[in-house]
Amino acid sequence: MRKFTAFVMFLMLAVTSHAFAQNKVYIEQAGNSNTIDITQVGGANRIGNDGSNSTITGSGNSVTITQTGNTNAIDYNITGDTNTVTKTITGDNNTVTYTCGNGNVACTNVTDTKTITGNGNTITQTIQGDNITTTKTITGDNNTITQNIETSNSNSTMTILGDSNTITAGMTGASAGGGHQLTMNITGVSNQYTIAQGGTVDTIVNITTNGSSNVVSVTTGN
């Protein structure tokens, strides 16, 4: 019954997308108790398929994606249990590529929230681990975030107000219990950030900048 409900939702979404000028939706779901809620308003928005991803595997997953604007694209791959993914995108030409787990490592109890208001923003995120919470809030245009999390019990929050900022962030190493933590508050344009948190000791990185053309590099480890 649950799989049938998800399939009906997909058919309804496909019809709705056609009515809104060829929005595209692709869902491939395996498992139990998955909840999918997708809303697209605009032309040529895409949830999956063109990037070949758009798969949910596991139990108790919940995915909510809202796109308002034109030519936004999301590719996602979720593997594991009790994942919660919420994405809200308002604007044009934003791109989100999201991978949670792979063929060797599952992700469990991961909560990921993204809110994007603006145009031309790009987020590429890969998560391999358990008990991870990530939040990204972008207000502005042409910002780029690349984040790889390969450890468990981690938390990251990124808030951007401005344009053309670039963030490359990574978390690796075995968690000592609390996990790595990253908090970023960025106001300004054309800033560049590189953050690498690793090792077996949990680290906490807090970055707040207000201005333009700053270059920040942080490396932690043991």
N, C-alpha and C. Protein backbone atom coordinates (compact mmCIF):
# COMPACT_ATOMS: atom_id res chain seq x y z
N MET A 1 0.83 -1.20 0.00
CA MET A 1 0.00 0.00 0.00
C MET A 1 0.86 1.25 0.00
N ARG A 2 1.94 1.24 0.76
CA ARG A 2 2.80 2.42 0.82
C ARG A 2 3.50 2.64 -0.51
N LYS A 3 3.97 1.57 -1.13
CA LYS A 3 4.62 1.72 -2.43
C LYS A 3 3.63 2.20 -3.48
N PHE A 4 2.41 1.71 -3.41
CA PHE A 4 1.38 2.13 -4.35
C PHE A 4 1.07 3.61 -4.20
N THR A 5 1.01 4.08 -2.96
CA THR A 5 0.76 5.50 -2.71
C THR A 5 1.86 6.36 -3.31
N ALA A 6 3.11 5.95 -3.11
CA ALA A 6 4.24 6.71 -3.66
C ALA A 6 4.15 6.74 -5.19
N PHE A 7 3.74 5.61 -5.80
CA PHE A 7 3.63 5.55 -7.25
C PHE A 7 2.54 6.48 -7.76
N VAL A 8 1.43 6.54 -7.05
CA VAL A 8 0.35 7.45 -7.43
C VAL A 8 0.82 8.90 -7.32
N MET A 9 1.56 9.20 -6.26
CA MET A 9 2.10 10.55 -6.11
C MET A 9 2.98 10.90 -7.29
N PHE A 10 3.76 9.92 -7.75
CA PHE A 10 4.64 10.18 -8.88
C PHE A 10 3.84 10.47 -10.14
N LEU A 11 2.77 9.71 -10.36
CA LEU A 11 1.94 9.96 -11.53
C LEU A 11 1.30 11.33 -11.47
N MET A 12 0.81 11.70 -10.30
CA MET A 12 0.20 13.01 -10.14
C MET A 12 1.21 14.12 -10.39
N LEU A 13 2.43 13.92 -9.89
CA LEU A 13 3.47 14.92 -10.09
C LEU A 13 3.85 15.03 -11.55
N ALA A 14 3.88 13.89 -12.24
CA ALA A 14 4.22 13.92 -13.65
C ALA A 14 3.19 14.71 -14.44
N VAL A 15 1.91 14.51 -14.11
CA VAL A 15 0.85 15.26 -14.79
C VAL A 15 0.94 16.74 -14.46
N THR A 16 1.16 17.05 -13.17
CA THR A 16 1.27 18.45 -12.77
C THR A 16 2.46 19.12 -13.44
N SER A 17 3.59 18.41 -13.53
CA SER A 17 4.76 18.99 -14.15
C SER A 17 4.50 19.32 -15.61
N HIS A 18 3.77 18.46 -16.31
CA HIS A 18 3.46 18.72 -17.70
C HIS A 18 2.62 19.98 -17.83
N ALA A 19 1.74 20.20 -16.87
CA ALA A 19 0.89 21.38 -16.92
C ALA A 19 1.67 22.66 -16.68
N PHE A 20 2.80 22.56 -15.97
CA PHE A 20 3.61 23.73 -15.69
C PHE A 20 4.82 23.78 -16.61
N ALA A 21 4.60 23.63 -17.90
CA ALA A 21 5.62 23.88 -18.92
C ALA A 21 6.82 22.95 -18.77
N GLN A 22 6.55 21.63 -18.80
CA GLN A 22 7.58 20.62 -18.89
C GLN A 22 8.56 20.62 -17.72
N ASN A 23 8.07 20.75 -16.48
CA ASN A 23 8.89 20.40 -15.33
C ASN A 23 9.10 18.89 -15.35
N LYS A 24 10.23 18.44 -14.85
CA LYS A 24 10.56 17.02 -14.92
C LYS A 24 10.72 16.46 -13.53
N VAL A 25 10.15 15.29 -13.27
CA VAL A 25 10.28 14.62 -11.98
C VAL A 25 10.64 13.16 -12.23
N TYR A 26 11.63 12.64 -11.53
CA TYR A 26 12.00 11.23 -11.62
C TYR A 26 12.21 10.71 -10.21
N ILE A 27 11.51 9.65 -9.84
CA ILE A 27 11.63 9.05 -8.51
C ILE A 27 11.77 7.54 -8.66
N GLU A 28 12.73 6.97 -7.99
CA GLU A 28 12.86 5.52 -7.90
C GLU A 28 13.01 5.18 -6.44
N GLN A 29 12.02 4.53 -5.85
CA GLN A 29 11.97 4.32 -4.40
C GLN A 29 11.93 2.84 -4.08
N ALA A 30 12.72 2.42 -3.09
CA ALA A 30 12.67 1.06 -2.58
C ALA A 30 12.70 1.11 -1.07
N GLY A 31 11.82 0.38 -0.41
CA GLY A 31 11.78 0.39 1.05
C GLY A 31 10.38 0.67 1.55
N ASN A 32 10.26 1.00 2.83
CA ASN A 32 8.97 1.18 3.46
C ASN A 32 8.85 2.56 4.08
N SER A 33 7.62 3.05 4.18
CA SER A 33 7.27 4.27 4.92
C SER A 33 7.98 5.51 4.41
N ASN A 34 8.32 5.55 3.12
CA ASN A 34 8.92 6.74 2.54
C ASN A 34 7.83 7.78 2.28
N THR A 35 8.13 9.05 2.55
CA THR A 35 7.20 10.15 2.29
C THR A 35 7.86 11.12 1.34
N ILE A 36 7.26 11.40 0.20
CA ILE A 36 7.83 12.29 -0.80
C ILE A 36 6.83 13.39 -1.11
N ASP A 37 7.25 14.62 -0.98
CA ASP A 37 6.38 15.76 -1.28
C ASP A 37 7.16 16.73 -2.16
N ILE A 38 6.85 16.83 -3.44
CA ILE A 38 7.59 17.64 -4.39
C ILE A 38 6.64 18.66 -5.02
N THR A 39 7.04 19.93 -4.99
CA THR A 39 6.24 21.00 -5.62
C THR A 39 7.14 21.79 -6.56
N GLN A 40 6.75 21.96 -7.80
CA GLN A 40 7.51 22.75 -8.75
C GLN A 40 6.61 23.81 -9.38
N VAL A 41 7.07 25.04 -9.41
CA VAL A 41 6.35 26.13 -10.07
C VAL A 41 7.33 26.84 -10.98
N GLY A 42 7.05 26.96 -12.26
CA GLY A 42 7.98 27.56 -13.20
C GLY A 42 8.17 26.63 -14.39
N GLY A 43 9.15 26.90 -15.20
CA GLY A 43 9.38 26.10 -16.39
C GLY A 43 10.70 25.37 -16.33
N ALA A 44 10.69 24.12 -16.81
CA ALA A 44 11.89 23.31 -17.00
C ALA A 44 12.64 23.02 -15.70
N ASN A 45 11.96 23.04 -14.54
CA ASN A 45 12.59 22.58 -13.31
C ASN A 45 12.81 21.08 -13.40
N ARG A 46 13.82 20.56 -12.75
CA ARG A 46 14.12 19.13 -12.83
C ARG A 46 14.50 18.62 -11.46
N ILE A 47 13.94 17.52 -11.03
CA ILE A 47 14.30 16.89 -9.77
C ILE A 47 15.39 15.84 -9.99
N GLY A 48 15.29 15.05 -11.03
CA GLY A 48 16.28 14.02 -11.28
C GLY A 48 16.32 13.63 -12.74
N ASN A 49 16.88 12.46 -13.03
CA ASN A 49 16.89 11.83 -14.33
C ASN A 49 17.99 12.33 -15.24
N ASP A 50 18.07 13.63 -15.51
CA ASP A 50 19.11 14.12 -16.40
C ASP A 50 20.49 13.89 -15.81
N GLY A 51 20.61 13.91 -14.48
CA GLY A 51 21.86 13.61 -13.81
C GLY A 51 21.96 12.15 -13.41
N SER A 52 20.97 11.34 -13.78
CA SER A 52 20.89 9.90 -13.57
C SER A 52 20.65 9.50 -12.12
N ASN A 53 20.73 10.44 -11.17
CA ASN A 53 20.37 10.15 -9.78
C ASN A 53 18.92 10.50 -9.54
N SER A 54 18.41 10.16 -8.41
CA SER A 54 17.06 10.42 -7.92
C SER A 54 16.53 9.13 -7.35
N THR A 55 17.18 8.61 -6.35
CA THR A 55 16.87 7.29 -5.80
C THR A 55 16.75 7.37 -4.29
N ILE A 56 15.75 6.71 -3.73
CA ILE A 56 15.60 6.59 -2.28
C ILE A 56 15.60 5.10 -1.96
N THR A 57 16.46 4.66 -1.08
CA THR A 57 16.52 3.26 -0.69
C THR A 57 16.56 3.18 0.83
N GLY A 58 15.63 2.49 1.45
CA GLY A 58 15.62 2.36 2.91
C GLY A 58 14.24 2.57 3.47
N SER A 59 14.16 2.72 4.78
CA SER A 59 12.88 2.83 5.46
C SER A 59 12.78 4.16 6.20
N GLY A 60 11.59 4.70 6.27
CA GLY A 60 11.34 5.88 7.07
C GLY A 60 11.95 7.15 6.52
N ASN A 61 12.25 7.21 5.24
CA ASN A 61 12.81 8.42 4.64
C ASN A 61 11.71 9.45 4.40
N SER A 62 12.05 10.73 4.48
CA SER A 62 11.10 11.80 4.19
C SER A 62 11.81 12.86 3.35
N VAL A 63 11.32 13.14 2.17
CA VAL A 63 11.94 14.11 1.27
C VAL A 63 10.91 15.16 0.91
N THR A 64 11.21 16.41 1.14
CA THR A 64 10.33 17.52 0.75
C THR A 64 11.14 18.48 -0.10
N ILE A 65 10.77 18.69 -1.34
CA ILE A 65 11.50 19.57 -2.25
C ILE A 65 10.52 20.57 -2.84
N THR A 66 10.80 21.85 -2.73
CA THR A 66 9.96 22.89 -3.32
C THR A 66 10.83 23.76 -4.22
N GLN A 67 10.49 23.89 -5.48
CA GLN A 67 11.23 24.75 -6.40
C GLN A 67 10.29 25.79 -6.98
N THR A 68 10.69 27.04 -6.95
CA THR A 68 9.91 28.12 -7.56
C THR A 68 10.85 28.90 -8.46
N GLY A 69 10.62 28.87 -9.74
CA GLY A 69 11.52 29.54 -10.68
C GLY A 69 11.76 28.66 -11.88
N ASN A 70 12.73 29.01 -12.67
CA ASN A 70 12.98 28.32 -13.93
C ASN A 70 14.34 27.63 -13.92
N THR A 71 14.37 26.46 -14.56
CA THR A 71 15.62 25.75 -14.85
C THR A 71 16.43 25.44 -13.59
N ASN A 72 15.78 25.19 -12.47
CA ASN A 72 16.47 24.66 -11.30
C ASN A 72 16.60 23.14 -11.46
N ALA A 73 17.64 22.55 -10.88
CA ALA A 73 17.87 21.12 -11.04
C ALA A 73 18.31 20.51 -9.73
N ILE A 74 17.79 19.35 -9.39
CA ILE A 74 18.20 18.62 -8.19
C ILE A 74 18.41 17.16 -8.56
N ASP A 75 19.56 16.60 -8.24
CA ASP A 75 19.82 15.17 -8.35
C ASP A 75 20.12 14.67 -6.95
N TYR A 76 19.49 13.61 -6.51
CA TYR A 76 19.75 13.13 -5.16
C TYR A 76 19.78 11.62 -5.12
N ASN A 77 20.49 11.08 -4.13
CA ASN A 77 20.59 9.65 -3.92
C ASN A 77 20.63 9.41 -2.42
N ILE A 78 19.65 8.74 -1.87
CA ILE A 78 19.56 8.54 -0.42
C ILE A 78 19.60 7.05 -0.14
N THR A 79 20.46 6.61 0.74
CA THR A 79 20.55 5.21 1.12
C THR A 79 20.57 5.12 2.64
N GLY A 80 19.69 4.35 3.24
CA GLY A 80 19.69 4.22 4.69
C GLY A 80 18.31 4.43 5.27
N ASP A 81 18.25 4.61 6.58
CA ASP A 81 16.98 4.69 7.29
C ASP A 81 16.82 6.06 7.96
N THR A 82 15.58 6.48 8.10
CA THR A 82 15.20 7.64 8.91
C THR A 82 15.91 8.91 8.45
N ASN A 83 16.08 9.06 7.14
CA ASN A 83 16.66 10.28 6.60
C ASN A 83 15.57 11.33 6.40
N THR A 84 15.89 12.59 6.63
CA THR A 84 14.97 13.69 6.39
C THR A 84 15.67 14.73 5.54
N VAL A 85 15.17 15.01 4.36
CA VAL A 85 15.79 15.97 3.45
C VAL A 85 14.75 17.00 3.07
N THR A 86 15.03 18.27 3.30
CA THR A 86 14.10 19.35 2.96
C THR A 86 14.84 20.40 2.15
N LYS A 87 14.36 20.71 0.97
CA LYS A 87 14.99 21.71 0.12
C LYS A 87 13.93 22.70 -0.36
N THR A 88 14.20 23.98 -0.21
CA THR A 88 13.30 25.02 -0.70
C THR A 88 14.13 25.96 -1.56
N ILE A 89 13.80 26.08 -2.82
CA ILE A 89 14.58 26.88 -3.76
C ILE A 89 13.67 27.89 -4.43
N THR A 90 14.03 29.16 -4.33
CA THR A 90 13.28 30.23 -4.98
C THR A 90 14.25 31.02 -5.85
N GLY A 91 14.07 30.98 -7.15
CA GLY A 91 14.98 31.66 -8.06
C GLY A 91 15.19 30.84 -9.32
N ASP A 92 16.17 31.23 -10.10
CA ASP A 92 16.41 30.59 -11.39
C ASP A 92 17.82 30.00 -11.44
N ASN A 93 17.93 28.89 -12.19
CA ASN A 93 19.22 28.30 -12.52
C ASN A 93 20.05 27.89 -11.30
N ASN A 94 19.39 27.47 -10.23
CA ASN A 94 20.09 26.90 -9.08
C ASN A 94 20.25 25.40 -9.28
N THR A 95 21.36 24.84 -8.79
CA THR A 95 21.65 23.42 -8.97
C THR A 95 22.06 22.80 -7.64
N VAL A 96 21.39 21.70 -7.27
CA VAL A 96 21.73 20.97 -6.05
C VAL A 96 21.98 19.51 -6.43
N THR A 97 23.16 19.01 -6.06
CA THR A 97 23.48 17.60 -6.24
C THR A 97 23.75 17.02 -4.86
N TYR A 98 22.95 16.03 -4.47
CA TYR A 98 22.98 15.52 -3.10
C TYR A 98 23.12 14.00 -3.12
N THR A 99 24.15 13.50 -2.42
CA THR A 99 24.36 12.06 -2.30
C THR A 99 24.52 11.72 -0.83
N CYS A 100 23.69 10.84 -0.34
CA CYS A 100 23.75 10.40 1.06
C CYS A 100 23.99 8.90 1.07
N GLY A 101 25.23 8.49 1.30
CA GLY A 101 25.58 7.08 1.25
C GLY A 101 25.91 6.63 -0.15
N ASN A 102 26.55 5.46 -0.24
CA ASN A 102 26.85 4.88 -1.54
C ASN A 102 26.73 3.37 -1.44
N GLY A 103 27.33 2.65 -2.39
CA GLY A 103 27.19 1.21 -2.39
C GLY A 103 27.87 0.52 -1.22
N ASN A 104 28.82 1.21 -0.59
CA ASN A 104 29.57 0.61 0.51
C ASN A 104 29.19 1.14 1.89
N VAL A 105 28.76 2.38 1.93
CA VAL A 105 28.47 3.03 3.21
C VAL A 105 27.06 3.61 3.18
N ALA A 106 26.25 3.25 4.16
CA ALA A 106 24.90 3.80 4.25
C ALA A 106 24.90 5.02 5.15
N CYS A 107 23.89 5.86 5.00
CA CYS A 107 23.74 7.00 5.91
C CYS A 107 22.41 6.84 6.64
N THR A 108 22.47 6.98 7.95
CA THR A 108 21.31 6.76 8.80
C THR A 108 21.12 7.95 9.72
N ASN A 109 19.87 8.33 9.95
CA ASN A 109 19.55 9.45 10.84
C ASN A 109 20.26 10.73 10.42
N VAL A 110 20.15 11.02 9.14
CA VAL A 110 20.73 12.24 8.58
C VAL A 110 19.61 13.23 8.29
N THR A 111 19.76 14.47 8.77
CA THR A 111 18.80 15.53 8.51
C THR A 111 19.50 16.62 7.72
N ASP A 112 19.01 16.91 6.54
CA ASP A 112 19.62 17.91 5.67
C ASP A 112 18.56 18.92 5.24
N THR A 113 18.83 20.21 5.49
CA THR A 113 17.89 21.26 5.15
C THR A 113 18.60 22.32 4.32
N LYS A 114 18.03 22.67 3.18
CA LYS A 114 18.58 23.71 2.32
C LYS A 114 17.49 24.71 1.96
N THR A 115 17.80 26.00 2.12
CA THR A 115 16.90 27.07 1.70
C THR A 115 17.69 28.03 0.83
N ILE A 116 17.30 28.14 -0.42
CA ILE A 116 18.03 28.97 -1.38
C ILE A 116 17.09 30.02 -1.95
N THR A 117 17.48 31.27 -1.84
CA THR A 117 16.74 32.37 -2.45
C THR A 117 17.73 33.16 -3.31
N GLY A 118 17.59 33.05 -4.60
CA GLY A 118 18.53 33.71 -5.50
C GLY A 118 18.69 32.92 -6.77
N ASN A 119 19.67 33.30 -7.56
CA ASN A 119 19.87 32.70 -8.87
C ASN A 119 21.30 32.18 -9.02
N GLY A 120 21.42 31.09 -9.77
CA GLY A 120 22.74 30.61 -10.15
C GLY A 120 23.58 30.04 -9.03
N ASN A 121 22.96 29.61 -7.94
CA ASN A 121 23.71 29.00 -6.84
C ASN A 121 23.90 27.50 -7.10
N THR A 122 25.04 26.96 -6.65
CA THR A 122 25.36 25.55 -6.87
C THR A 122 25.79 24.91 -5.57
N ILE A 123 25.13 23.81 -5.20
CA ILE A 123 25.50 23.05 -4.01
C ILE A 123 25.76 21.61 -4.42
N THR A 124 26.93 21.10 -4.05
CA THR A 124 27.27 19.69 -4.26
C THR A 124 27.64 19.11 -2.91
N GLN A 125 26.88 18.11 -2.47
CA GLN A 125 27.06 17.59 -1.11
C GLN A 125 27.07 16.07 -1.13
N THR A 126 28.06 15.49 -0.44
CA THR A 126 28.17 14.04 -0.30
C THR A 126 28.31 13.70 1.17
N ILE A 127 27.46 12.80 1.66
CA ILE A 127 27.46 12.41 3.06
C ILE A 127 27.64 10.90 3.16
N GLN A 128 28.60 10.46 4.00
CA GLN A 128 28.78 9.06 4.31
C GLN A 128 28.99 8.95 5.81
N GLY A 129 27.97 8.57 6.52
CA GLY A 129 28.06 8.49 7.97
C GLY A 129 26.68 8.53 8.60
N ASP A 130 26.65 8.46 9.92
CA ASP A 130 25.39 8.40 10.65
C ASP A 130 25.27 9.61 11.58
N ASN A 131 24.02 9.94 11.91
CA ASN A 131 23.72 11.00 12.88
C ASN A 131 24.36 12.33 12.48
N ILE A 132 24.02 12.78 11.29
CA ILE A 132 24.57 14.01 10.74
C ILE A 132 23.45 15.00 10.49
N THR A 133 23.67 16.25 10.88
CA THR A 133 22.70 17.32 10.63
C THR A 133 23.40 18.44 9.86
N THR A 134 22.84 18.83 8.72
CA THR A 134 23.40 19.92 7.94
C THR A 134 22.29 20.90 7.57
N THR A 135 22.61 22.19 7.64
CA THR A 135 21.66 23.24 7.29
C THR A 135 22.38 24.28 6.46
N LYS A 136 21.79 24.65 5.34
CA LYS A 136 22.36 25.66 4.46
C LYS A 136 21.27 26.67 4.09
N THR A 137 21.57 27.95 4.32
CA THR A 137 20.65 29.03 3.96
C THR A 137 21.41 30.02 3.10
N ILE A 138 20.96 30.19 1.87
CA ILE A 138 21.63 31.08 0.93
C ILE A 138 20.65 32.14 0.47
N THR A 139 21.07 33.39 0.59
CA THR A 139 20.32 34.52 0.03
C THR A 139 21.30 35.30 -0.84
N GLY A 140 21.18 35.14 -2.14
CA GLY A 140 22.12 35.78 -3.05
C GLY A 140 22.27 34.96 -4.33
N ASP A 141 23.20 35.37 -5.16
CA ASP A 141 23.37 34.77 -6.47
C ASP A 141 24.77 34.20 -6.64
N ASN A 142 24.85 33.12 -7.45
CA ASN A 142 26.13 32.58 -7.92
C ASN A 142 27.08 32.17 -6.79
N ASN A 143 26.53 31.70 -5.70
CA ASN A 143 27.35 31.11 -4.64
C ASN A 143 27.57 29.63 -4.92
N THR A 144 28.73 29.11 -4.49
CA THR A 144 29.07 27.71 -4.73
C THR A 144 29.50 27.05 -3.42
N ILE A 145 28.85 25.95 -3.08
CA ILE A 145 29.21 25.18 -1.89
C ILE A 145 29.50 23.74 -2.31
N THR A 146 30.68 23.25 -1.91
CA THR A 146 31.03 21.84 -2.10
C THR A 146 31.37 21.27 -0.73
N GLN A 147 30.62 20.28 -0.30
CA GLN A 147 30.82 19.72 1.04
C GLN A 147 30.84 18.21 1.00
N ASN A 148 31.88 17.62 1.62
CA ASN A 148 31.99 16.17 1.77
C ASN A 148 32.08 15.84 3.25
N ILE A 149 31.15 15.04 3.74
CA ILE A 149 31.16 14.61 5.14
C ILE A 149 31.35 13.10 5.15
N GLU A 150 32.48 12.66 5.69
CA GLU A 150 32.81 11.24 5.74
C GLU A 150 33.09 10.81 7.17
N THR A 151 32.24 11.23 8.07
CA THR A 151 32.35 10.87 9.48
C THR A 151 30.97 10.96 10.11
N SER A 152 30.82 10.41 11.28
CA SER A 152 29.50 10.37 11.93
C SER A 152 29.41 11.41 13.04
N ASN A 153 28.17 11.63 13.49
CA ASN A 153 27.89 12.52 14.63
C ASN A 153 28.38 13.94 14.39
N SER A 154 28.15 14.45 13.18
CA SER A 154 28.64 15.77 12.82
C SER A 154 27.49 16.73 12.59
N ASN A 155 27.81 18.03 12.70
CA ASN A 155 26.80 19.07 12.54
C ASN A 155 27.43 20.24 11.78
N SER A 156 26.75 20.74 10.76
CA SER A 156 27.25 21.90 10.04
C SER A 156 26.09 22.83 9.69
N THR A 157 26.34 24.14 9.86
CA THR A 157 25.37 25.17 9.52
C THR A 157 26.08 26.25 8.72
N MET A 158 25.57 26.54 7.54
CA MET A 158 26.14 27.57 6.69
C MET A 158 25.05 28.58 6.33
N THR A 159 25.35 29.86 6.57
CA THR A 159 24.42 30.94 6.22
C THR A 159 25.18 31.94 5.37
N ILE A 160 24.67 32.19 4.16
CA ILE A 160 25.32 33.12 3.23
C ILE A 160 24.34 34.22 2.86
N LEU A 161 24.80 35.46 2.99
CA LEU A 161 24.06 36.62 2.52
C LEU A 161 25.00 37.41 1.60
N GLY A 162 24.83 37.22 0.31
CA GLY A 162 25.72 37.87 -0.64
C GLY A 162 25.86 37.03 -1.90
N ASP A 163 26.78 37.46 -2.76
CA ASP A 163 26.92 36.84 -4.08
C ASP A 163 28.35 36.33 -4.30
N SER A 164 28.44 35.30 -5.15
CA SER A 164 29.72 34.82 -5.68
C SER A 164 30.70 34.38 -4.59
N ASN A 165 30.18 33.83 -3.51
CA ASN A 165 31.03 33.25 -2.47
C ASN A 165 31.27 31.77 -2.78
N THR A 166 32.45 31.28 -2.41
CA THR A 166 32.81 29.89 -2.67
C THR A 166 33.25 29.22 -1.38
N ILE A 167 32.61 28.08 -1.07
CA ILE A 167 32.95 27.32 0.13
C ILE A 167 33.29 25.89 -0.27
N THR A 168 34.43 25.42 0.19
CA THR A 168 34.80 24.01 0.05
C THR A 168 35.07 23.48 1.46
N ALA A 169 34.27 22.54 1.91
CA ALA A 169 34.36 22.06 3.29
C ALA A 169 34.34 20.54 3.32
N GLY A 170 35.16 19.97 4.22
CA GLY A 170 35.21 18.53 4.36
C GLY A 170 35.36 18.11 5.81
N MET A 171 34.75 16.98 6.17
CA MET A 171 34.89 16.38 7.49
C MET A 171 35.26 14.91 7.32
N THR A 172 36.37 14.50 7.95
CA THR A 172 36.81 13.12 7.86
C THR A 172 37.29 12.66 9.23
N GLY A 173 37.56 11.37 9.34
CA GLY A 173 38.10 10.82 10.58
C GLY A 173 37.03 10.20 11.44
N ALA A 174 37.46 9.30 12.34
CA ALA A 174 36.52 8.64 13.24
C ALA A 174 36.09 9.60 14.34
N SER A 175 34.80 9.65 14.59
CA SER A 175 34.29 10.56 15.61
C SER A 175 34.70 10.12 17.00
N ALA A 176 35.06 11.11 17.84
CA ALA A 176 35.40 10.81 19.23
C ALA A 176 34.16 10.77 20.12
N GLY A 177 33.00 10.95 19.52
CA GLY A 177 31.75 10.90 20.27
C GLY A 177 30.82 12.02 19.89
N GLY A 178 31.31 13.26 19.95
CA GLY A 178 30.47 14.40 19.63
C GLY A 178 30.45 14.74 18.16
N GLY A 179 31.51 14.39 17.43
CA GLY A 179 31.60 14.68 16.02
C GLY A 179 32.10 16.09 15.76
N HIS A 180 32.51 16.34 14.52
CA HIS A 180 32.95 17.67 14.12
C HIS A 180 31.75 18.61 14.01
N GLN A 181 32.01 19.90 14.28
CA GLN A 181 30.98 20.92 14.14
C GLN A 181 31.52 22.09 13.33
N LEU A 182 30.70 22.60 12.42
CA LEU A 182 31.07 23.74 11.59
C LEU A 182 29.91 24.73 11.54
N THR A 183 30.20 25.98 11.88
CA THR A 183 29.21 27.05 11.78
C THR A 183 29.81 28.20 10.99
N MET A 184 29.13 28.61 9.93
CA MET A 184 29.61 29.69 9.07
C MET A 184 28.51 30.73 8.87
N ASN A 185 28.87 31.99 9.10
CA ASN A 185 27.97 33.10 8.82
C ASN A 185 28.72 34.09 7.93
N ILE A 186 28.28 34.18 6.69
CA ILE A 186 29.01 34.96 5.68
C ILE A 186 28.11 36.08 5.17
N THR A 187 28.64 37.29 5.23
CA THR A 187 27.96 38.44 4.65
C THR A 187 28.96 39.17 3.74
N GLY A 188 28.65 39.24 2.47
CA GLY A 188 29.57 39.90 1.54
C GLY A 188 29.61 39.17 0.22
N VAL A 189 30.53 39.59 -0.64
CA VAL A 189 30.63 39.03 -1.98
C VAL A 189 32.06 38.58 -2.26
N SER A 190 32.16 37.57 -3.13
CA SER A 190 33.45 37.11 -3.68
C SER A 190 34.43 36.66 -2.60
N ASN A 191 33.92 36.05 -1.54
CA ASN A 191 34.78 35.47 -0.51
C ASN A 191 35.08 34.00 -0.84
N GLN A 192 36.23 33.50 -0.37
CA GLN A 192 36.62 32.12 -0.61
C GLN A 192 36.99 31.45 0.72
N TYR A 193 36.44 30.26 0.93
CA TYR A 193 36.65 29.54 2.19
C TYR A 193 37.02 28.09 1.89
N THR A 194 38.03 27.61 2.60
CA THR A 194 38.42 26.21 2.52
C THR A 194 38.56 25.69 3.94
N ILE A 195 37.75 24.70 4.29
CA ILE A 195 37.74 24.16 5.65
C ILE A 195 37.92 22.65 5.58
N ALA A 196 38.93 22.14 6.28
CA ALA A 196 39.18 20.70 6.35
C ALA A 196 39.26 20.30 7.81
N GLN A 197 38.27 19.54 8.27
CA GLN A 197 38.24 19.05 9.65
C GLN A 197 38.47 17.55 9.63
N GLY A 198 39.51 17.09 10.33
CA GLY A 198 39.83 15.68 10.31
C GLY A 198 40.42 15.23 11.63
N GLY A 199 40.78 13.95 11.68
CA GLY A 199 41.38 13.39 12.88
C GLY A 199 40.37 12.69 13.75
N THR A 200 40.88 12.13 14.84
CA THR A 200 40.03 11.37 15.78
C THR A 200 39.57 12.22 16.95
N VAL A 201 39.96 13.48 16.98
CA VAL A 201 39.51 14.40 18.02
C VAL A 201 38.44 15.31 17.44
N ASP A 202 37.30 15.41 18.12
CA ASP A 202 36.23 16.26 17.63
C ASP A 202 36.68 17.72 17.61
N THR A 203 36.34 18.43 16.54
CA THR A 203 36.73 19.83 16.41
C THR A 203 35.51 20.72 16.19
N ILE A 204 35.63 21.97 16.63
CA ILE A 204 34.57 22.96 16.45
C ILE A 204 35.16 24.15 15.72
N VAL A 205 34.56 24.49 14.58
CA VAL A 205 35.02 25.63 13.79
C VAL A 205 33.86 26.60 13.63
N ASN A 206 34.08 27.85 14.06
CA ASN A 206 33.09 28.92 13.89
C ASN A 206 33.72 30.03 13.04
N ILE A 207 33.07 30.37 11.95
CA ILE A 207 33.58 31.40 11.05
C ILE A 207 32.49 32.44 10.81
N THR A 208 32.81 33.70 11.07
CA THR A 208 31.91 34.81 10.79
C THR A 208 32.70 35.89 10.07
N THR A 209 32.27 36.26 8.87
CA THR A 209 32.94 37.32 8.12
C THR A 209 31.90 38.29 7.60
N ASN A 210 32.32 39.54 7.52
CA ASN A 210 31.48 40.60 6.97
C ASN A 210 32.37 41.47 6.09
N GLY A 211 32.23 41.31 4.78
CA GLY A 211 33.09 42.02 3.85
C GLY A 211 33.22 41.25 2.56
N SER A 212 34.14 41.67 1.73
CA SER A 212 34.27 41.09 0.40
C SER A 212 35.71 40.70 0.10
N SER A 213 35.84 39.71 -0.79
CA SER A 213 37.14 39.26 -1.29
C SER A 213 38.06 38.74 -0.19
N ASN A 214 37.48 38.21 0.87
CA ASN A 214 38.28 37.56 1.91
C ASN A 214 38.66 36.14 1.47
N VAL A 215 39.82 35.68 1.91
CA VAL A 215 40.26 34.31 1.66
C VAL A 215 40.56 33.67 3.02
N VAL A 216 39.80 32.64 3.35
CA VAL A 216 39.91 31.99 4.66
C VAL A 216 40.20 30.50 4.47
N SER A 217 41.22 30.00 5.17
CA SER A 217 41.55 28.59 5.12
C SER A 217 41.75 28.06 6.53
N VAL A 218 41.04 26.98 6.86
CA VAL A 218 41.11 26.37 8.20
C VAL A 218 41.33 24.88 8.04
N THR A 219 42.33 24.36 8.77
CA THR A 219 42.60 22.92 8.78
C THR A 219 42.75 22.46 10.22
N THR A 220 42.00 21.43 10.60
CA THR A 220 42.10 20.86 11.95
C THR A 220 42.40 19.38 11.84
N GLY A 221 43.04 18.83 12.85
CA GLY A 221 43.34 17.40 12.84
C GLY A 221 44.34 17.06 13.95
N ASN A 222 44.66 15.76 14.04
CA ASN A 222 45.66 15.32 15.00
C ASN A 222 46.49 14.20 14.41
